[in-house]
């Protein structure tokens, strides 16, 4: 059974007022989701300002990651 079929099956089992709530929630999620525009031809992620944002910082990325993960393990 696909995800869509599973959702439809469970939705059918709900009373009409709960089905309405599901519809409201799906509409809310659609409004919150902003479509990502396709990249213009000839542009790459390397041109995005976030790419390489830490390059100028004097931080060892591997050490930073290990420190952050060690904090999670505590």
N, C-alpha and C. Protein backbone atom coordinates (compact mmCIF):
# COMPACT_ATOMS: atom_id res chain seq x y z
N UNK A 1 0.85 -1.17 0.00
CA UNK A 1 0.00 0.00 0.00
C UNK A 1 0.90 1.24 0.00
N UNK A 2 0.63 2.16 -0.89
CA UNK A 2 1.42 3.39 -0.97
C UNK A 2 1.05 4.33 0.17
N UNK A 3 1.87 5.32 0.39
CA UNK A 3 1.60 6.30 1.43
C UNK A 3 0.27 7.01 1.18
N UNK A 4 0.03 7.39 -0.05
CA UNK A 4 -1.22 8.07 -0.39
C UNK A 4 -2.43 7.17 -0.11
N UNK A 5 -2.32 5.90 -0.46
CA UNK A 5 -3.42 4.96 -0.20
C UNK A 5 -3.65 4.79 1.30
N UNK A 6 -2.57 4.73 2.05
CA UNK A 6 -2.68 4.60 3.50
C UNK A 6 -3.36 5.82 4.11
N UNK A 7 -2.98 7.00 3.65
CA UNK A 7 -3.61 8.23 4.14
C UNK A 7 -5.10 8.25 3.79
N UNK A 8 -5.41 7.88 2.54
CA UNK A 8 -6.81 7.86 2.11
C UNK A 8 -7.63 6.87 2.94
N UNK A 9 -7.06 5.71 3.21
CA UNK A 9 -7.76 4.69 3.98
C UNK A 9 -8.06 5.20 5.40
N UNK A 10 -7.06 5.78 6.02
CA UNK A 10 -7.27 6.28 7.38
C UNK A 10 -8.21 7.49 7.40
N UNK A 11 -8.15 8.30 6.38
CA UNK A 11 -9.02 9.47 6.29
C UNK A 11 -10.49 9.04 6.15
N UNK A 12 -10.72 8.02 5.36
CA UNK A 12 -12.10 7.51 5.17
C UNK A 12 -12.71 7.04 6.49
N UNK A 13 -11.88 6.55 7.40
CA UNK A 13 -12.37 6.01 8.67
C UNK A 13 -12.71 7.10 9.69
N UNK A 14 -12.29 8.32 9.42
CA UNK A 14 -12.57 9.42 10.34
C UNK A 14 -13.98 9.95 10.14
N UNK A 15 -14.57 10.50 11.20
CA UNK A 15 -15.87 11.16 11.03
C UNK A 15 -15.70 12.44 10.19
N UNK A 16 -16.78 12.90 9.57
CA UNK A 16 -16.69 14.06 8.67
C UNK A 16 -16.05 15.30 9.30
N UNK A 17 -16.33 15.58 10.58
CA UNK A 17 -15.72 16.77 11.18
C UNK A 17 -14.20 16.64 11.30
N UNK A 18 -13.71 15.42 11.54
CA UNK A 18 -12.26 15.20 11.60
C UNK A 18 -11.65 15.25 10.20
N UNK A 19 -12.38 14.79 9.20
CA UNK A 19 -11.91 14.89 7.82
C UNK A 19 -11.75 16.36 7.44
N UNK A 20 -12.66 17.19 7.91
CA UNK A 20 -12.59 18.62 7.65
C UNK A 20 -11.35 19.22 8.31
N UNK A 21 -11.04 18.77 9.51
CA UNK A 21 -9.83 19.25 10.20
C UNK A 21 -8.58 18.86 9.44
N UNK A 22 -8.57 17.65 8.91
CA UNK A 22 -7.42 17.19 8.11
C UNK A 22 -7.26 18.08 6.88
N UNK A 23 -8.37 18.39 6.22
CA UNK A 23 -8.32 19.27 5.05
C UNK A 23 -7.78 20.64 5.43
N UNK A 24 -8.23 21.18 6.55
CA UNK A 24 -7.73 22.47 7.02
C UNK A 24 -6.22 22.41 7.27
N UNK A 25 -5.77 21.32 7.87
CA UNK A 25 -4.35 21.19 8.18
C UNK A 25 -3.52 21.06 6.91
N UNK A 26 -4.01 20.29 5.94
CA UNK A 26 -3.29 20.16 4.68
C UNK A 26 -3.21 21.51 3.97
N UNK A 27 -4.29 22.27 4.01
CA UNK A 27 -4.30 23.61 3.41
C UNK A 27 -3.29 24.51 4.11
N UNK A 28 -3.23 24.43 5.44
CA UNK A 28 -2.25 25.19 6.22
C UNK A 28 -0.82 24.82 5.81
N UNK A 29 -0.54 23.53 5.67
CA UNK A 29 0.80 23.09 5.26
C UNK A 29 1.15 23.59 3.87
N UNK A 30 0.17 23.59 2.96
CA UNK A 30 0.43 24.09 1.61
C UNK A 30 0.76 25.57 1.62
N UNK A 31 0.10 26.33 2.48
CA UNK A 31 0.36 27.76 2.56
C UNK A 31 1.74 28.05 3.14
N UNK A 32 2.18 27.21 4.05
CA UNK A 32 3.50 27.39 4.68
C UNK A 32 4.63 27.00 3.76
N UNK A 33 4.35 26.13 2.81
CA UNK A 33 5.39 25.63 1.92
C UNK A 33 5.58 26.62 0.78
N UNK A 34 6.79 27.11 0.66
CA UNK A 34 7.08 28.02 -0.45
C UNK A 34 7.84 27.24 -1.51
N UNK A 35 7.38 27.31 -2.73
CA UNK A 35 8.07 26.57 -3.79
C UNK A 35 9.48 27.13 -4.00
N UNK A 36 10.40 26.24 -4.23
CA UNK A 36 11.79 26.63 -4.50
C UNK A 36 11.92 26.86 -6.00
N UNK A 37 12.26 28.09 -6.37
CA UNK A 37 12.38 28.36 -7.81
C UNK A 37 13.55 27.59 -8.40
N UNK A 38 13.42 27.15 -9.62
CA UNK A 38 14.52 26.43 -10.25
C UNK A 38 15.71 27.36 -10.46
N UNK A 39 16.89 26.79 -10.38
CA UNK A 39 18.12 27.58 -10.57
C UNK A 39 18.19 28.05 -12.02
N UNK A 40 18.67 29.25 -12.18
CA UNK A 40 18.84 29.79 -13.53
C UNK A 40 19.92 28.99 -14.25
N UNK A 41 19.76 28.80 -15.53
CA UNK A 41 20.79 28.06 -16.28
C UNK A 41 22.14 28.74 -16.15
N UNK A 42 23.17 27.93 -15.95
CA UNK A 42 24.52 28.47 -15.84
C UNK A 42 24.92 28.84 -14.44
N UNK A 43 24.02 28.76 -13.46
CA UNK A 43 24.34 29.08 -12.09
C UNK A 43 24.60 27.79 -11.30
N UNK A 44 25.51 27.86 -10.39
CA UNK A 44 25.79 26.70 -9.56
C UNK A 44 25.68 27.11 -8.10
N UNK A 45 25.69 26.12 -7.22
CA UNK A 45 25.63 26.41 -5.79
C UNK A 45 26.87 27.16 -5.31
N UNK A 46 27.96 27.01 -6.02
CA UNK A 46 29.18 27.72 -5.63
C UNK A 46 29.01 29.24 -5.68
N UNK A 47 28.03 29.71 -6.42
CA UNK A 47 27.78 31.14 -6.51
C UNK A 47 26.85 31.64 -5.42
N UNK A 48 26.27 30.71 -4.66
CA UNK A 48 25.37 31.10 -3.58
C UNK A 48 26.19 31.68 -2.42
N UNK A 49 25.72 32.76 -1.78
CA UNK A 49 26.49 33.40 -0.71
C UNK A 49 26.77 32.49 0.48
N UNK A 50 25.93 31.47 0.69
CA UNK A 50 26.14 30.58 1.83
C UNK A 50 27.27 29.59 1.57
N UNK A 51 27.59 29.34 0.32
CA UNK A 51 28.63 28.38 -0.01
C UNK A 51 29.99 28.93 0.40
N UNK A 52 30.68 28.22 1.23
CA UNK A 52 32.00 28.65 1.67
C UNK A 52 31.96 29.75 2.71
N UNK A 53 30.85 29.89 3.43
CA UNK A 53 30.69 30.97 4.39
C UNK A 53 31.72 30.90 5.52
N UNK A 54 32.21 29.70 5.82
CA UNK A 54 33.18 29.55 6.91
C UNK A 54 34.62 29.54 6.39
N UNK A 55 34.80 29.71 5.12
CA UNK A 55 36.13 29.61 4.52
C UNK A 55 37.10 30.62 5.14
N UNK A 56 36.66 31.83 5.41
CA UNK A 56 37.55 32.88 5.92
C UNK A 56 37.80 32.75 7.42
N UNK A 57 37.07 31.88 8.09
CA UNK A 57 37.24 31.72 9.54
C UNK A 57 38.39 30.77 9.83
N UNK A 58 39.13 31.05 10.86
CA UNK A 58 40.27 30.20 11.25
C UNK A 58 39.78 29.09 12.17
N UNK A 59 38.92 28.23 11.62
CA UNK A 59 38.35 27.14 12.41
C UNK A 59 38.58 25.83 11.65
N UNK A 60 39.07 24.83 12.39
CA UNK A 60 39.23 23.50 11.82
C UNK A 60 37.85 22.83 11.85
N UNK A 61 37.27 22.60 10.69
CA UNK A 61 35.91 22.09 10.61
C UNK A 61 35.77 20.72 11.29
N UNK A 62 36.78 19.86 11.14
CA UNK A 62 36.71 18.54 11.75
C UNK A 62 36.71 18.65 13.28
N UNK A 63 37.56 19.50 13.80
CA UNK A 63 37.61 19.71 15.26
C UNK A 63 36.29 20.30 15.75
N UNK A 64 35.73 21.24 15.01
CA UNK A 64 34.45 21.85 15.38
C UNK A 64 33.35 20.78 15.44
N UNK A 65 33.32 19.91 14.43
CA UNK A 65 32.31 18.86 14.40
C UNK A 65 32.49 17.89 15.56
N UNK A 66 33.73 17.49 15.83
CA UNK A 66 33.98 16.56 16.93
C UNK A 66 33.59 17.17 18.27
N UNK A 67 33.85 18.44 18.46
CA UNK A 67 33.48 19.13 19.70
C UNK A 67 31.96 19.18 19.85
N UNK A 68 31.29 19.50 18.76
CA UNK A 68 29.82 19.58 18.81
C UNK A 68 29.22 18.21 19.12
N UNK A 69 29.73 17.17 18.48
CA UNK A 69 29.20 15.82 18.74
C UNK A 69 29.50 15.37 20.16
N UNK A 70 30.66 15.75 20.69
CA UNK A 70 31.00 15.39 22.06
C UNK A 70 30.03 16.04 23.04
N UNK A 71 29.58 17.25 22.72
CA UNK A 71 28.58 17.92 23.59
C UNK A 71 27.27 17.16 23.56
N UNK A 72 26.90 16.59 22.44
CA UNK A 72 25.66 15.84 22.34
C UNK A 72 25.72 14.56 23.18
N UNK A 73 26.91 13.98 23.26
CA UNK A 73 27.06 12.71 24.00
C UNK A 73 27.03 12.90 25.51
N UNK A 74 27.18 14.11 25.97
CA UNK A 74 27.20 14.34 27.42
C UNK A 74 25.84 14.21 28.03
